[in-house]
N, C-alpha and C. Protein backbone atom coordinates (compact mmCIF):
# COMPACT_ATOMS: atom_id res chain seq x y z
N MET A 1 66.04 -182.61 -58.60
CA MET A 1 67.16 -182.96 -57.75
C MET A 1 68.08 -183.94 -58.47
N LYS A 2 67.47 -184.91 -59.15
CA LYS A 2 68.25 -185.92 -59.85
C LYS A 2 69.07 -185.28 -60.98
N ASN A 3 68.45 -184.34 -61.70
CA ASN A 3 69.15 -183.64 -62.78
C ASN A 3 70.29 -182.77 -62.24
N THR A 4 70.07 -182.16 -61.09
CA THR A 4 71.11 -181.33 -60.47
C THR A 4 72.32 -182.17 -60.11
N LEU A 5 72.09 -183.34 -59.51
CA LEU A 5 73.20 -184.23 -59.16
C LEU A 5 73.93 -184.72 -60.41
N LYS A 6 73.18 -184.98 -61.46
CA LYS A 6 73.78 -185.42 -62.72
C LYS A 6 74.69 -184.33 -63.28
N ARG A 7 74.21 -183.09 -63.26
CA ARG A 7 75.01 -181.96 -63.76
C ARG A 7 76.27 -181.75 -62.92
N ILE A 8 76.13 -181.84 -61.62
CA ILE A 8 77.30 -181.68 -60.74
C ILE A 8 78.32 -182.77 -61.04
N GLY A 9 77.85 -184.00 -61.23
CA GLY A 9 78.75 -185.10 -61.56
C GLY A 9 79.47 -184.87 -62.88
N MET A 10 78.75 -184.36 -63.87
CA MET A 10 79.37 -184.09 -65.17
C MET A 10 80.41 -182.98 -65.07
N VAL A 11 80.11 -181.94 -64.30
CA VAL A 11 81.06 -180.84 -64.12
C VAL A 11 82.32 -181.35 -63.41
N LEU A 12 82.15 -182.15 -62.37
CA LEU A 12 83.30 -182.69 -61.65
C LEU A 12 84.14 -183.60 -62.55
N ALA A 13 83.49 -184.42 -63.36
CA ALA A 13 84.22 -185.30 -64.29
C ALA A 13 84.99 -184.47 -65.31
N GLY A 14 84.37 -183.43 -65.84
CA GLY A 14 85.04 -182.55 -66.80
C GLY A 14 86.24 -181.86 -66.18
N CYS A 15 86.07 -181.35 -64.96
CA CYS A 15 87.19 -180.69 -64.27
C CYS A 15 88.33 -181.67 -64.01
N SER A 16 88.00 -182.90 -63.66
CA SER A 16 89.03 -183.91 -63.41
C SER A 16 89.83 -184.21 -64.67
N ILE A 17 89.14 -184.32 -65.80
CA ILE A 17 89.83 -184.59 -67.07
C ILE A 17 90.74 -183.42 -67.43
N ILE A 18 90.25 -182.19 -67.30
CA ILE A 18 91.06 -181.02 -67.61
C ILE A 18 92.28 -180.96 -66.71
N ALA A 19 92.11 -181.22 -65.42
CA ALA A 19 93.23 -181.21 -64.48
C ALA A 19 94.26 -182.27 -64.84
N PHE A 20 93.80 -183.47 -65.19
CA PHE A 20 94.71 -184.55 -65.56
C PHE A 20 95.52 -184.19 -66.79
N VAL A 21 94.84 -183.69 -67.81
CA VAL A 21 95.52 -183.34 -69.06
C VAL A 21 96.50 -182.20 -68.83
N SER A 22 96.11 -181.20 -68.05
CA SER A 22 96.98 -180.05 -67.79
C SER A 22 98.25 -180.45 -67.06
N LEU A 23 98.15 -181.39 -66.16
CA LEU A 23 99.30 -181.78 -65.37
C LEU A 23 100.14 -182.88 -66.02
N SER A 24 99.59 -183.56 -67.02
CA SER A 24 100.29 -184.72 -67.57
C SER A 24 101.24 -184.39 -68.72
N CYS A 25 101.20 -183.19 -69.26
CA CYS A 25 102.01 -182.85 -70.44
C CYS A 25 102.95 -181.70 -70.12
N SER A 26 104.24 -181.97 -70.14
CA SER A 26 105.23 -180.93 -69.90
C SER A 26 105.71 -180.38 -71.23
N LYS A 27 106.51 -179.31 -71.17
CA LYS A 27 107.04 -178.70 -72.40
C LYS A 27 107.97 -179.63 -73.15
N ASP A 28 108.52 -180.63 -72.48
CA ASP A 28 109.44 -181.56 -73.13
C ASP A 28 108.71 -182.72 -73.80
N ASP A 29 107.41 -182.85 -73.54
CA ASP A 29 106.65 -183.94 -74.16
C ASP A 29 106.64 -183.79 -75.67
N ASP A 30 106.79 -184.89 -76.34
CA ASP A 30 106.80 -184.93 -77.79
C ASP A 30 105.46 -185.51 -78.25
N PRO A 31 104.71 -184.79 -79.07
CA PRO A 31 103.41 -185.30 -79.50
C PRO A 31 103.50 -186.61 -80.28
N THR A 32 104.64 -186.90 -80.87
CA THR A 32 104.78 -188.13 -81.65
C THR A 32 104.84 -189.36 -80.76
N ASP A 33 105.23 -189.19 -79.50
CA ASP A 33 105.42 -190.32 -78.60
C ASP A 33 104.23 -190.61 -77.70
N ASN A 34 103.19 -189.79 -77.74
CA ASN A 34 102.08 -189.91 -76.81
C ASN A 34 100.75 -190.07 -77.53
N ASP A 35 99.87 -190.92 -76.98
CA ASP A 35 98.51 -191.00 -77.50
C ASP A 35 97.65 -189.86 -76.97
N LEU A 36 98.05 -189.30 -75.84
CA LEU A 36 97.37 -188.14 -75.26
C LEU A 36 98.41 -187.04 -75.12
N PHE A 37 98.15 -185.90 -75.75
CA PHE A 37 99.09 -184.79 -75.71
C PHE A 37 98.31 -183.48 -75.70
N VAL A 38 98.74 -182.56 -74.85
CA VAL A 38 98.21 -181.20 -74.85
C VAL A 38 99.41 -180.27 -74.71
N GLY A 39 99.55 -179.34 -75.63
CA GLY A 39 100.66 -178.40 -75.58
C GLY A 39 100.26 -177.07 -76.19
N LYS A 40 100.81 -175.98 -75.64
CA LYS A 40 100.51 -174.65 -76.15
C LYS A 40 101.74 -174.10 -76.86
N TYR A 41 101.55 -173.74 -78.11
CA TYR A 41 102.60 -173.17 -78.95
C TYR A 41 102.28 -171.69 -79.14
N LYS A 42 103.30 -170.83 -79.01
CA LYS A 42 103.10 -169.38 -79.11
C LYS A 42 103.88 -168.82 -80.28
N GLY A 43 103.28 -167.85 -80.95
CA GLY A 43 103.95 -167.22 -82.07
C GLY A 43 102.98 -166.49 -82.98
N HIS A 44 103.35 -166.37 -84.25
CA HIS A 44 102.57 -165.62 -85.24
C HIS A 44 101.51 -166.54 -85.86
N ILE A 45 100.25 -166.15 -85.75
CA ILE A 45 99.15 -166.92 -86.35
C ILE A 45 98.29 -166.00 -87.20
N THR A 46 97.73 -166.54 -88.29
CA THR A 46 96.82 -165.77 -89.13
C THR A 46 95.67 -166.64 -89.59
N TYR A 47 94.60 -165.95 -90.02
CA TYR A 47 93.43 -166.63 -90.56
C TYR A 47 92.77 -165.70 -91.57
N THR A 48 92.38 -166.26 -92.72
CA THR A 48 91.69 -165.48 -93.74
C THR A 48 90.49 -166.26 -94.24
N GLU A 49 89.36 -165.56 -94.31
CA GLU A 49 88.15 -166.11 -94.92
C GLU A 49 87.42 -164.95 -95.59
N GLY A 50 87.44 -164.94 -96.92
CA GLY A 50 86.80 -163.84 -97.64
C GLY A 50 87.42 -162.51 -97.27
N GLU A 51 86.61 -161.58 -96.79
CA GLU A 51 87.09 -160.25 -96.40
C GLU A 51 87.66 -160.23 -94.98
N THR A 52 87.48 -161.30 -94.24
CA THR A 52 87.96 -161.36 -92.86
C THR A 52 89.42 -161.79 -92.82
N HIS A 53 90.25 -161.00 -92.12
CA HIS A 53 91.66 -161.37 -91.95
C HIS A 53 92.05 -161.08 -90.50
N ILE A 54 92.54 -162.10 -89.83
CA ILE A 54 93.01 -161.97 -88.45
C ILE A 54 94.50 -162.26 -88.45
N ASP A 55 95.29 -161.36 -87.88
CA ASP A 55 96.75 -161.49 -87.83
C ASP A 55 97.20 -161.20 -86.41
N ALA A 56 97.72 -162.21 -85.73
CA ALA A 56 98.15 -162.06 -84.34
C ALA A 56 99.63 -162.42 -84.22
N GLU A 57 100.47 -161.41 -84.01
CA GLU A 57 101.91 -161.63 -83.85
C GLU A 57 102.22 -162.46 -82.60
N ASN A 58 101.45 -162.25 -81.54
CA ASN A 58 101.67 -162.95 -80.27
C ASN A 58 100.50 -163.87 -79.94
N GLY A 59 100.06 -164.64 -80.91
CA GLY A 59 98.96 -165.56 -80.70
C GLY A 59 99.44 -166.88 -80.14
N ASN A 60 98.51 -167.79 -79.95
CA ASN A 60 98.89 -169.13 -79.52
C ASN A 60 97.93 -170.16 -80.09
N VAL A 61 98.43 -171.37 -80.17
CA VAL A 61 97.64 -172.51 -80.63
C VAL A 61 97.81 -173.61 -79.60
N GLU A 62 96.70 -174.07 -79.06
CA GLU A 62 96.75 -175.21 -78.15
C GLU A 62 96.50 -176.47 -78.98
N VAL A 63 97.43 -177.40 -78.88
CA VAL A 63 97.34 -178.65 -79.63
C VAL A 63 96.86 -179.74 -78.68
N VAL A 64 95.79 -180.42 -79.08
CA VAL A 64 95.24 -181.51 -78.29
C VAL A 64 95.22 -182.75 -79.18
N LYS A 65 95.97 -183.78 -78.75
CA LYS A 65 96.03 -185.03 -79.51
C LYS A 65 95.40 -186.13 -78.68
N ILE A 66 94.47 -186.84 -79.31
CA ILE A 66 93.88 -188.03 -78.70
C ILE A 66 93.97 -189.13 -79.75
N GLY A 67 94.82 -190.13 -79.48
CA GLY A 67 95.07 -191.17 -80.47
C GLY A 67 95.83 -190.59 -81.64
N LYS A 68 95.28 -190.72 -82.85
CA LYS A 68 95.93 -190.17 -84.05
C LYS A 68 95.28 -188.88 -84.52
N ASP A 69 94.24 -188.43 -83.81
CA ASP A 69 93.54 -187.20 -84.18
C ASP A 69 94.09 -186.01 -83.41
N TYR A 70 94.33 -184.93 -84.14
CA TYR A 70 94.81 -183.69 -83.54
C TYR A 70 93.75 -182.61 -83.69
N ASN A 71 93.63 -181.77 -82.67
CA ASN A 71 92.77 -180.59 -82.70
C ASN A 71 93.64 -179.38 -82.41
N PHE A 72 93.45 -178.32 -83.16
CA PHE A 72 94.23 -177.09 -83.02
C PHE A 72 93.28 -175.98 -82.60
N ILE A 73 93.46 -175.50 -81.37
CA ILE A 73 92.58 -174.49 -80.79
C ILE A 73 93.34 -173.17 -80.79
N PHE A 74 92.88 -172.25 -81.63
CA PHE A 74 93.56 -170.98 -81.85
C PHE A 74 93.06 -169.89 -80.91
N SER A 75 93.93 -168.96 -80.58
CA SER A 75 93.54 -167.76 -79.85
C SER A 75 93.01 -166.72 -80.84
N ASP A 76 92.66 -165.56 -80.35
CA ASP A 76 92.31 -164.39 -81.16
C ASP A 76 91.11 -164.62 -82.08
N LYS A 77 90.16 -165.42 -81.63
CA LYS A 77 88.91 -165.66 -82.36
C LYS A 77 89.10 -166.31 -83.73
N ILE A 78 90.21 -167.03 -83.88
CA ILE A 78 90.44 -167.80 -85.10
C ILE A 78 89.74 -169.15 -84.94
N PRO A 79 88.96 -169.57 -85.94
CA PRO A 79 88.28 -170.87 -85.83
C PRO A 79 89.27 -172.02 -85.66
N ASN A 80 88.85 -173.03 -84.94
CA ASN A 80 89.71 -174.19 -84.66
C ASN A 80 89.76 -175.14 -85.85
N LEU A 81 90.86 -175.88 -85.94
CA LEU A 81 90.99 -177.00 -86.87
C LEU A 81 90.86 -178.26 -86.04
N THR A 82 89.96 -179.16 -86.41
CA THR A 82 89.74 -180.35 -85.60
C THR A 82 89.77 -181.62 -86.44
N GLY A 83 90.13 -182.72 -85.78
CA GLY A 83 90.08 -184.03 -86.41
C GLY A 83 91.11 -184.25 -87.50
N VAL A 84 92.26 -183.57 -87.42
CA VAL A 84 93.31 -183.72 -88.43
C VAL A 84 94.13 -184.96 -88.08
N LYS A 85 94.35 -185.82 -89.04
CA LYS A 85 95.13 -187.05 -88.83
C LYS A 85 96.56 -186.84 -89.30
N PHE A 86 97.50 -187.50 -88.61
CA PHE A 86 98.93 -187.32 -88.87
C PHE A 86 99.64 -188.65 -89.07
N GLU A 87 100.83 -188.55 -89.66
CA GLU A 87 101.74 -189.69 -89.78
C GLU A 87 103.14 -189.19 -89.44
N LYS A 88 104.01 -190.12 -89.03
CA LYS A 88 105.38 -189.74 -88.67
C LYS A 88 106.15 -189.26 -89.89
N ASP A 89 106.99 -188.26 -89.67
CA ASP A 89 107.86 -187.71 -90.70
C ASP A 89 109.24 -187.56 -90.07
N GLY A 90 109.96 -188.66 -89.97
CA GLY A 90 111.23 -188.66 -89.25
C GLY A 90 111.01 -189.20 -87.85
N GLU A 91 112.04 -189.07 -87.02
CA GLU A 91 112.00 -189.68 -85.69
C GLU A 91 111.06 -188.96 -84.74
N ASN A 92 111.10 -187.62 -84.67
CA ASN A 92 110.32 -186.88 -83.69
C ASN A 92 109.41 -185.83 -84.29
N THR A 93 108.99 -186.01 -85.52
CA THR A 93 108.13 -185.04 -86.20
C THR A 93 106.96 -185.78 -86.83
N VAL A 94 105.79 -185.14 -86.81
CA VAL A 94 104.64 -185.67 -87.53
C VAL A 94 104.16 -184.62 -88.53
N ILE A 95 103.56 -185.10 -89.60
CA ILE A 95 103.02 -184.24 -90.65
C ILE A 95 101.63 -184.76 -90.98
N ASN A 96 100.72 -183.85 -91.30
CA ASN A 96 99.35 -184.30 -91.55
C ASN A 96 99.27 -185.21 -92.76
N ILE A 97 98.37 -186.19 -92.69
CA ILE A 97 98.17 -187.13 -93.79
C ILE A 97 97.56 -186.37 -94.96
N GLY A 98 98.09 -186.63 -96.15
CA GLY A 98 97.61 -185.93 -97.35
C GLY A 98 98.18 -184.54 -97.48
N SER A 99 99.30 -184.27 -96.82
CA SER A 99 99.88 -182.93 -96.88
C SER A 99 100.30 -182.61 -98.31
N ASP A 100 100.08 -181.38 -98.69
CA ASP A 100 100.51 -180.86 -99.98
C ASP A 100 100.65 -179.35 -99.82
N GLU A 101 100.73 -178.62 -100.92
CA GLU A 101 100.91 -177.17 -100.83
C GLU A 101 99.77 -176.47 -100.10
N ALA A 102 98.57 -177.05 -100.13
CA ALA A 102 97.41 -176.41 -99.51
C ALA A 102 97.08 -176.97 -98.13
N HIS A 103 97.73 -178.05 -97.74
CA HIS A 103 97.41 -178.71 -96.47
C HIS A 103 98.69 -179.15 -95.77
N LEU A 104 99.37 -178.24 -95.10
CA LEU A 104 100.60 -178.61 -94.40
C LEU A 104 100.49 -178.22 -92.94
N ILE A 105 100.63 -179.22 -92.07
CA ILE A 105 100.77 -178.99 -90.64
C ILE A 105 101.90 -179.89 -90.18
N LYS A 106 102.93 -179.28 -89.61
CA LYS A 106 104.10 -180.03 -89.15
C LYS A 106 104.32 -179.68 -87.68
N ILE A 107 104.52 -180.72 -86.86
CA ILE A 107 104.62 -180.48 -85.43
C ILE A 107 105.66 -181.40 -84.81
N ASP A 108 106.41 -180.85 -83.85
CA ASP A 108 107.29 -181.65 -83.00
C ASP A 108 107.23 -181.07 -81.59
N ALA A 109 108.12 -181.48 -80.72
CA ALA A 109 108.06 -181.06 -79.32
C ALA A 109 108.21 -179.55 -79.15
N SER A 110 108.91 -178.87 -80.07
CA SER A 110 109.17 -177.45 -79.88
C SER A 110 108.61 -176.53 -80.96
N THR A 111 108.15 -177.06 -82.09
CA THR A 111 107.75 -176.21 -83.21
C THR A 111 106.42 -176.66 -83.82
N LEU A 112 105.61 -175.69 -84.19
CA LEU A 112 104.36 -175.93 -84.92
C LEU A 112 104.34 -175.03 -86.14
N ILE A 113 104.21 -175.63 -87.33
CA ILE A 113 104.10 -174.90 -88.58
C ILE A 113 102.77 -175.29 -89.23
N ILE A 114 101.96 -174.28 -89.55
CA ILE A 114 100.69 -174.54 -90.23
C ILE A 114 100.59 -173.64 -91.46
N ALA A 115 100.27 -174.25 -92.59
CA ALA A 115 99.89 -173.55 -93.83
C ALA A 115 98.77 -174.40 -94.41
N TYR A 116 97.54 -174.11 -94.01
CA TYR A 116 96.42 -175.02 -94.26
C TYR A 116 95.25 -174.27 -94.88
N THR A 117 94.73 -174.81 -95.97
CA THR A 117 93.57 -174.24 -96.66
C THR A 117 92.46 -175.28 -96.71
N LYS A 118 91.25 -174.85 -96.35
CA LYS A 118 90.09 -175.75 -96.39
C LYS A 118 88.83 -174.92 -96.64
N ASP A 119 88.09 -175.28 -97.66
CA ASP A 119 86.83 -174.61 -97.98
C ASP A 119 86.99 -173.09 -98.12
N GLY A 120 88.08 -172.65 -98.74
CA GLY A 120 88.31 -171.22 -98.94
C GLY A 120 88.82 -170.48 -97.72
N LYS A 121 89.08 -171.19 -96.63
CA LYS A 121 89.60 -170.59 -95.40
C LYS A 121 91.08 -170.93 -95.31
N ILE A 122 91.88 -169.98 -94.81
CA ILE A 122 93.33 -170.18 -94.75
C ILE A 122 93.82 -169.94 -93.32
N TRP A 123 94.49 -170.94 -92.75
CA TRP A 123 95.13 -170.83 -91.44
C TRP A 123 96.64 -170.86 -91.63
N SER A 124 97.36 -170.07 -90.84
CA SER A 124 98.82 -170.20 -90.82
C SER A 124 99.32 -169.99 -89.40
N ALA A 125 100.42 -170.65 -89.10
CA ALA A 125 101.04 -170.49 -87.78
C ALA A 125 102.53 -170.79 -87.90
N ASN A 126 103.30 -170.00 -87.21
CA ASN A 126 104.74 -170.23 -87.06
C ASN A 126 105.01 -170.04 -85.57
N CYS A 127 104.95 -171.15 -84.82
CA CYS A 127 104.94 -171.07 -83.36
C CYS A 127 105.97 -172.01 -82.74
N SER A 128 106.29 -171.72 -81.49
CA SER A 128 107.19 -172.59 -80.72
C SER A 128 106.71 -172.62 -79.28
N ARG A 129 107.30 -173.56 -78.50
CA ARG A 129 106.98 -173.63 -77.07
C ARG A 129 108.21 -173.94 -76.29
């Protein structure tokens, strides 16, 4: 009985957090101005790992920012990118720390660009919201 109540409490807490995050971020929210940000960007996304290649013309990437850490949750069974740190690049744009030709993620209120390579895996996205 005690474990059941604990589980119910955890489910309710999780649902409350999801509801808060879903309602707190509008399309006009700028990820550079918020410590908490959730936004869905839609567009062309791809992923390559060895012989596996996923190409989705109408895919989406959900961006979740908590503090300075960003998580990118991809549709179409593309693995997520998590724990990416960013720095400001202009007034309303952020770019990942250590960006170079193999590690570029650029995001603002309306656009998400990803060209990211890690451990032989390649993610790309050209999305807007």
